[in-house]
Amino acid sequence: MKSKNKLKKRKQFNWTFKNGKSVHSKNLVIVYNKNKGKDFKVGFSVTKKVGKAVVRNKIKRRLKEIVSKLTSNIKNYYTIILVAKPSIVDCKFVDLQSEVELILKKTNLFKEI
């Protein structure tokens, strides 16, 4: 995933959580809002409820890989945060990938092909 697409600052996370819309699925919550930038920005939130550091980092790596494969299909001008639920630990990579695609389509952040 390119650096221009990463959500880095705590201030950006807080603003998106406060002003954004959220949609839930079985293993994920997506919080999104329109931004002023030209590109989309993505951040990941995996809390200690999910597991210890090794597990949390594994989940973040998986989510980053999925989003990097979908970068050409995600609409620009949006800030997106993917929040992991504790049930994500038991989810396989393929299932997680289809769930991310489904939730992006549900929120209308997926480009029409």
N, C-alpha and C. Protein backbone atom coordinates (compact mmCIF):
# COMPACT_ATOMS: atom_id res chain seq x y z
N MET A 1 0.84 -1.17 0.00
CA MET A 1 0.00 0.00 0.00
C MET A 1 0.89 1.24 0.00
N LYS A 2 0.55 2.21 -0.83
CA LYS A 2 1.35 3.41 -0.96
C LYS A 2 1.19 4.32 0.25
N SER A 3 2.23 5.09 0.51
CA SER A 3 2.24 5.98 1.66
C SER A 3 1.16 7.05 1.58
N LYS A 4 0.84 7.48 0.35
CA LYS A 4 -0.17 8.52 0.20
C LYS A 4 -1.57 8.03 0.58
N ASN A 5 -1.75 6.73 0.66
CA ASN A 5 -3.05 6.15 0.99
C ASN A 5 -3.17 5.74 2.45
N LYS A 6 -2.15 5.97 3.25
CA LYS A 6 -2.19 5.57 4.66
C LYS A 6 -2.72 6.69 5.53
N LEU A 7 -3.54 6.32 6.46
CA LEU A 7 -4.03 7.24 7.47
C LEU A 7 -3.08 7.13 8.66
N LYS A 8 -2.39 8.21 9.00
CA LYS A 8 -1.31 8.11 9.98
C LYS A 8 -1.57 8.87 11.27
N LYS A 9 -2.14 10.03 11.18
CA LYS A 9 -2.26 10.90 12.34
C LYS A 9 -3.47 10.54 13.21
N ARG A 10 -3.26 10.63 14.51
CA ARG A 10 -4.33 10.37 15.47
C ARG A 10 -5.51 11.33 15.25
N LYS A 11 -5.18 12.56 14.89
CA LYS A 11 -6.18 13.58 14.64
C LYS A 11 -7.12 13.16 13.49
N GLN A 12 -6.54 12.55 12.45
CA GLN A 12 -7.35 12.08 11.32
C GLN A 12 -8.27 10.94 11.74
N PHE A 13 -7.74 10.02 12.55
CA PHE A 13 -8.55 8.91 13.05
C PHE A 13 -9.72 9.44 13.88
N ASN A 14 -9.42 10.34 14.81
CA ASN A 14 -10.46 10.88 15.69
C ASN A 14 -11.53 11.62 14.91
N TRP A 15 -11.11 12.41 13.91
CA TRP A 15 -12.06 13.16 13.11
C TRP A 15 -12.99 12.22 12.35
N THR A 16 -12.42 11.16 11.77
CA THR A 16 -13.23 10.21 11.01
C THR A 16 -14.18 9.45 11.92
N PHE A 17 -13.70 9.03 13.09
CA PHE A 17 -14.59 8.32 14.03
C PHE A 17 -15.74 9.23 14.48
N LYS A 18 -15.45 10.51 14.67
CA LYS A 18 -16.46 11.44 15.16
C LYS A 18 -17.48 11.81 14.08
N ASN A 19 -17.02 12.06 12.86
CA ASN A 19 -17.88 12.59 11.81
C ASN A 19 -18.30 11.56 10.76
N GLY A 20 -17.74 10.38 10.81
CA GLY A 20 -17.99 9.40 9.76
C GLY A 20 -19.23 8.56 9.97
N LYS A 21 -19.58 7.83 8.92
CA LYS A 21 -20.68 6.87 8.97
C LYS A 21 -20.06 5.50 9.16
N SER A 22 -20.80 4.59 9.80
CA SER A 22 -20.26 3.26 10.03
C SER A 22 -21.23 2.18 9.54
N VAL A 23 -20.64 1.08 9.08
CA VAL A 23 -21.39 -0.08 8.63
C VAL A 23 -20.71 -1.30 9.24
N HIS A 24 -21.53 -2.21 9.78
CA HIS A 24 -21.02 -3.40 10.45
C HIS A 24 -21.18 -4.63 9.58
N SER A 25 -20.25 -5.56 9.75
CA SER A 25 -20.39 -6.90 9.19
C SER A 25 -20.02 -7.88 10.30
N LYS A 26 -19.87 -9.13 9.96
CA LYS A 26 -19.61 -10.14 10.99
C LYS A 26 -18.28 -9.91 11.71
N ASN A 27 -17.23 -9.62 10.97
CA ASN A 27 -15.89 -9.49 11.55
C ASN A 27 -15.31 -8.08 11.49
N LEU A 28 -15.97 -7.17 10.81
CA LEU A 28 -15.42 -5.83 10.61
C LEU A 28 -16.46 -4.74 10.81
N VAL A 29 -15.95 -3.56 11.12
CA VAL A 29 -16.74 -2.34 11.09
C VAL A 29 -15.97 -1.39 10.19
N ILE A 30 -16.67 -0.74 9.27
CA ILE A 30 -16.02 0.25 8.42
C ILE A 30 -16.58 1.62 8.78
N VAL A 31 -15.68 2.55 9.03
CA VAL A 31 -16.06 3.93 9.31
C VAL A 31 -15.48 4.76 8.17
N TYR A 32 -16.31 5.55 7.52
CA TYR A 32 -15.84 6.29 6.36
C TYR A 32 -16.45 7.68 6.33
N ASN A 33 -15.74 8.57 5.64
CA ASN A 33 -16.20 9.94 5.49
C ASN A 33 -15.51 10.53 4.27
N LYS A 34 -16.13 11.51 3.67
CA LYS A 34 -15.54 12.19 2.52
C LYS A 34 -14.40 13.09 3.01
N ASN A 35 -13.31 13.14 2.24
CA ASN A 35 -12.20 14.02 2.62
C ASN A 35 -11.92 15.02 1.50
N LYS A 36 -11.04 15.96 1.77
CA LYS A 36 -10.73 17.01 0.80
C LYS A 36 -9.59 16.60 -0.12
N GLY A 37 -8.85 15.57 0.26
CA GLY A 37 -7.72 15.14 -0.55
C GLY A 37 -8.14 14.48 -1.83
N LYS A 38 -7.18 14.32 -2.72
CA LYS A 38 -7.45 13.73 -4.03
C LYS A 38 -7.55 12.21 -3.96
N ASP A 39 -6.79 11.60 -3.08
CA ASP A 39 -6.75 10.14 -2.97
C ASP A 39 -7.57 9.68 -1.77
N PHE A 40 -7.83 8.38 -1.73
CA PHE A 40 -8.47 7.82 -0.54
C PHE A 40 -7.40 7.53 0.50
N LYS A 41 -7.80 7.53 1.76
CA LYS A 41 -6.90 7.21 2.86
C LYS A 41 -7.50 6.05 3.64
N VAL A 42 -6.66 5.12 4.07
CA VAL A 42 -7.13 3.96 4.81
C VAL A 42 -6.34 3.82 6.09
N GLY A 43 -7.06 3.53 7.19
CA GLY A 43 -6.45 3.25 8.47
C GLY A 43 -7.03 1.96 9.03
N PHE A 44 -6.30 1.35 9.94
CA PHE A 44 -6.73 0.09 10.53
C PHE A 44 -6.71 0.22 12.04
N SER A 45 -7.75 -0.31 12.67
CA SER A 45 -7.84 -0.28 14.12
C SER A 45 -8.13 -1.69 14.62
N VAL A 46 -7.17 -2.22 15.37
CA VAL A 46 -7.30 -3.55 15.94
C VAL A 46 -6.99 -3.42 17.43
N THR A 47 -8.01 -3.56 18.28
CA THR A 47 -7.84 -3.32 19.71
C THR A 47 -7.33 -4.55 20.44
N LYS A 48 -7.02 -4.39 21.71
CA LYS A 48 -6.52 -5.50 22.54
C LYS A 48 -7.58 -6.56 22.80
N LYS A 49 -8.84 -6.23 22.54
CA LYS A 49 -9.91 -7.23 22.68
C LYS A 49 -9.73 -8.37 21.69
N VAL A 50 -9.08 -8.07 20.57
CA VAL A 50 -8.87 -9.07 19.51
C VAL A 50 -7.82 -10.10 19.93
N GLY A 51 -6.77 -9.66 20.59
CA GLY A 51 -5.74 -10.59 21.01
C GLY A 51 -4.45 -9.87 21.37
N LYS A 52 -3.41 -10.66 21.57
CA LYS A 52 -2.10 -10.09 21.91
C LYS A 52 -1.48 -9.47 20.66
N ALA A 53 -0.31 -8.87 20.81
CA ALA A 53 0.33 -8.09 19.75
C ALA A 53 0.58 -8.90 18.48
N VAL A 54 0.98 -10.15 18.63
CA VAL A 54 1.26 -10.99 17.46
C VAL A 54 0.00 -11.18 16.63
N VAL A 55 -1.10 -11.43 17.29
CA VAL A 55 -2.38 -11.65 16.60
C VAL A 55 -2.86 -10.35 15.95
N ARG A 56 -2.77 -9.24 16.68
CA ARG A 56 -3.21 -7.95 16.14
C ARG A 56 -2.40 -7.56 14.90
N ASN A 57 -1.09 -7.77 14.96
CA ASN A 57 -0.24 -7.43 13.82
C ASN A 57 -0.53 -8.32 12.62
N LYS A 58 -0.82 -9.58 12.86
CA LYS A 58 -1.18 -10.51 11.78
C LYS A 58 -2.44 -10.04 11.07
N ILE A 59 -3.43 -9.61 11.84
CA ILE A 59 -4.68 -9.14 11.27
C ILE A 59 -4.46 -7.86 10.48
N LYS A 60 -3.64 -6.95 11.01
CA LYS A 60 -3.33 -5.71 10.29
C LYS A 60 -2.62 -5.99 8.97
N ARG A 61 -1.68 -6.94 8.99
CA ARG A 61 -0.97 -7.31 7.76
C ARG A 61 -1.93 -7.87 6.73
N ARG A 62 -2.85 -8.70 7.17
CA ARG A 62 -3.85 -9.27 6.26
C ARG A 62 -4.73 -8.18 5.65
N LEU A 63 -5.22 -7.28 6.49
CA LEU A 63 -6.08 -6.21 6.00
C LEU A 63 -5.34 -5.29 5.04
N LYS A 64 -4.08 -4.98 5.33
CA LYS A 64 -3.28 -4.14 4.44
C LYS A 64 -3.08 -4.81 3.09
N GLU A 65 -2.83 -6.10 3.09
CA GLU A 65 -2.65 -6.84 1.84
C GLU A 65 -3.93 -6.83 1.01
N ILE A 66 -5.06 -7.03 1.66
CA ILE A 66 -6.35 -7.03 0.96
C ILE A 66 -6.62 -5.66 0.34
N VAL A 67 -6.40 -4.61 1.13
CA VAL A 67 -6.66 -3.25 0.63
C VAL A 67 -5.68 -2.89 -0.49
N SER A 68 -4.44 -3.32 -0.39
CA SER A 68 -3.48 -3.00 -1.45
C SER A 68 -3.86 -3.67 -2.77
N LYS A 69 -4.49 -4.83 -2.72
CA LYS A 69 -4.96 -5.49 -3.94
C LYS A 69 -6.17 -4.76 -4.53
N LEU A 70 -6.93 -4.07 -3.69
CA LEU A 70 -8.16 -3.41 -4.12
C LEU A 70 -8.00 -1.91 -4.37
N THR A 71 -6.78 -1.38 -4.32
CA THR A 71 -6.59 0.08 -4.42
C THR A 71 -7.16 0.67 -5.70
N SER A 72 -7.08 -0.05 -6.79
CA SER A 72 -7.58 0.50 -8.05
C SER A 72 -9.12 0.51 -8.09
N ASN A 73 -9.76 -0.23 -7.20
CA ASN A 73 -11.23 -0.33 -7.20
C ASN A 73 -11.90 0.52 -6.12
N ILE A 74 -11.13 1.18 -5.27
CA ILE A 74 -11.71 1.99 -4.20
C ILE A 74 -11.84 3.44 -4.68
N LYS A 75 -13.00 4.04 -4.41
CA LYS A 75 -13.24 5.42 -4.83
C LYS A 75 -12.31 6.38 -4.11
N ASN A 76 -11.92 7.45 -4.82
CA ASN A 76 -11.09 8.49 -4.24
C ASN A 76 -11.95 9.43 -3.40
N TYR A 77 -11.30 10.37 -2.72
CA TYR A 77 -11.95 11.39 -1.89
C TYR A 77 -12.63 10.83 -0.65
N TYR A 78 -12.16 9.70 -0.14
CA TYR A 78 -12.74 9.13 1.08
C TYR A 78 -11.66 8.76 2.08
N THR A 79 -11.99 8.90 3.36
CA THR A 79 -11.17 8.41 4.44
C THR A 79 -11.88 7.19 5.01
N ILE A 80 -11.16 6.08 5.10
CA ILE A 80 -11.76 4.82 5.50
C ILE A 80 -10.97 4.24 6.67
N ILE A 81 -11.68 3.76 7.69
CA ILE A 81 -11.04 3.05 8.80
C ILE A 81 -11.71 1.68 8.90
N LEU A 82 -10.90 0.63 8.88
CA LEU A 82 -11.39 -0.73 9.08
C LEU A 82 -11.10 -1.12 10.52
N VAL A 83 -12.16 -1.41 11.27
CA VAL A 83 -12.04 -1.78 12.67
C VAL A 83 -12.34 -3.27 12.81
N ALA A 84 -11.42 -4.00 13.40
CA ALA A 84 -11.58 -5.45 13.54
C ALA A 84 -12.38 -5.78 14.80
N LYS A 85 -13.28 -6.74 14.66
CA LYS A 85 -14.02 -7.28 15.80
C LYS A 85 -13.27 -8.51 16.31
N PRO A 86 -13.48 -8.90 17.56
CA PRO A 86 -12.77 -10.07 18.11
C PRO A 86 -12.99 -11.36 17.33
N SER A 87 -14.10 -11.50 16.64
CA SER A 87 -14.38 -12.72 15.88
C SER A 87 -13.50 -12.87 14.65
N ILE A 88 -12.72 -11.85 14.31
CA ILE A 88 -11.88 -11.88 13.12
C ILE A 88 -10.72 -12.87 13.26
N VAL A 89 -10.39 -13.24 14.48
CA VAL A 89 -9.27 -14.15 14.74
C VAL A 89 -9.48 -15.50 14.06
N ASP A 90 -10.71 -15.98 14.04
CA ASP A 90 -11.02 -17.29 13.47
C ASP A 90 -11.26 -17.24 11.97
N CYS A 91 -11.20 -16.08 11.36
CA CYS A 91 -11.53 -15.90 9.94
C CYS A 91 -10.33 -16.23 9.06
N LYS A 92 -10.57 -16.98 7.97
CA LYS A 92 -9.53 -17.29 7.01
C LYS A 92 -9.33 -16.10 6.08
N PHE A 93 -8.15 -16.07 5.44
CA PHE A 93 -7.79 -14.93 4.58
C PHE A 93 -8.78 -14.74 3.44
N VAL A 94 -9.17 -15.81 2.79
CA VAL A 94 -10.10 -15.72 1.65
C VAL A 94 -11.46 -15.19 2.09
N ASP A 95 -11.93 -15.66 3.24
CA ASP A 95 -13.21 -15.18 3.77
C ASP A 95 -13.12 -13.69 4.14
N LEU A 96 -11.99 -13.32 4.71
CA LEU A 96 -11.78 -11.92 5.09
C LEU A 96 -11.74 -11.03 3.85
N GLN A 97 -11.10 -11.51 2.81
CA GLN A 97 -11.02 -10.75 1.56
C GLN A 97 -12.41 -10.52 0.96
N SER A 98 -13.22 -11.56 0.94
CA SER A 98 -14.57 -11.41 0.39
C SER A 98 -15.42 -10.50 1.28
N GLU A 99 -15.18 -10.54 2.58
CA GLU A 99 -15.94 -9.68 3.50
C GLU A 99 -15.58 -8.21 3.31
N VAL A 100 -14.29 -7.92 3.08
CA VAL A 100 -13.87 -6.54 2.84
C VAL A 100 -14.49 -6.03 1.54
N GLU A 101 -14.47 -6.85 0.50
CA GLU A 101 -15.08 -6.46 -0.77
C GLU A 101 -16.58 -6.20 -0.59
N LEU A 102 -17.23 -7.08 0.14
CA LEU A 102 -18.67 -6.96 0.37
C LEU A 102 -19.02 -5.69 1.13
N ILE A 103 -18.24 -5.39 2.16
CA ILE A 103 -18.54 -4.21 2.98
C ILE A 103 -18.23 -2.93 2.21
N LEU A 104 -17.23 -2.95 1.32
CA LEU A 104 -16.95 -1.78 0.48
C LEU A 104 -18.08 -1.56 -0.53
N LYS A 105 -18.62 -2.65 -1.07
CA LYS A 105 -19.75 -2.52 -1.99
C LYS A 105 -20.99 -2.02 -1.26
N LYS A 106 -21.16 -2.50 -0.04
CA LYS A 106 -22.32 -2.11 0.77
C LYS A 106 -22.31 -0.61 1.09
N THR A 107 -21.12 -0.06 1.30
CA THR A 107 -20.98 1.36 1.62
C THR A 107 -20.86 2.22 0.37
N ASN A 108 -20.87 1.58 -0.79
CA ASN A 108 -20.78 2.28 -2.07
C ASN A 108 -19.42 2.95 -2.27
N LEU A 109 -18.35 2.37 -1.72
CA LEU A 109 -17.00 2.88 -1.88
C LEU A 109 -16.22 2.12 -2.95
N PHE A 110 -16.87 1.15 -3.55
CA PHE A 110 -16.24 0.31 -4.58
C PHE A 110 -16.61 0.92 -5.94
N LYS A 111 -15.62 1.14 -6.81
CA LYS A 111 -15.89 1.69 -8.13
C LYS A 111 -16.69 0.71 -8.96
N GLU A 112 -17.56 1.25 -9.79
CA GLU A 112 -18.31 0.41 -10.74
C GLU A 112 -17.37 0.00 -11.87
N ILE A 113 -17.39 -1.28 -12.17
CA ILE A 113 -16.48 -1.79 -13.21
C ILE A 113 -17.24 -1.98 -14.50
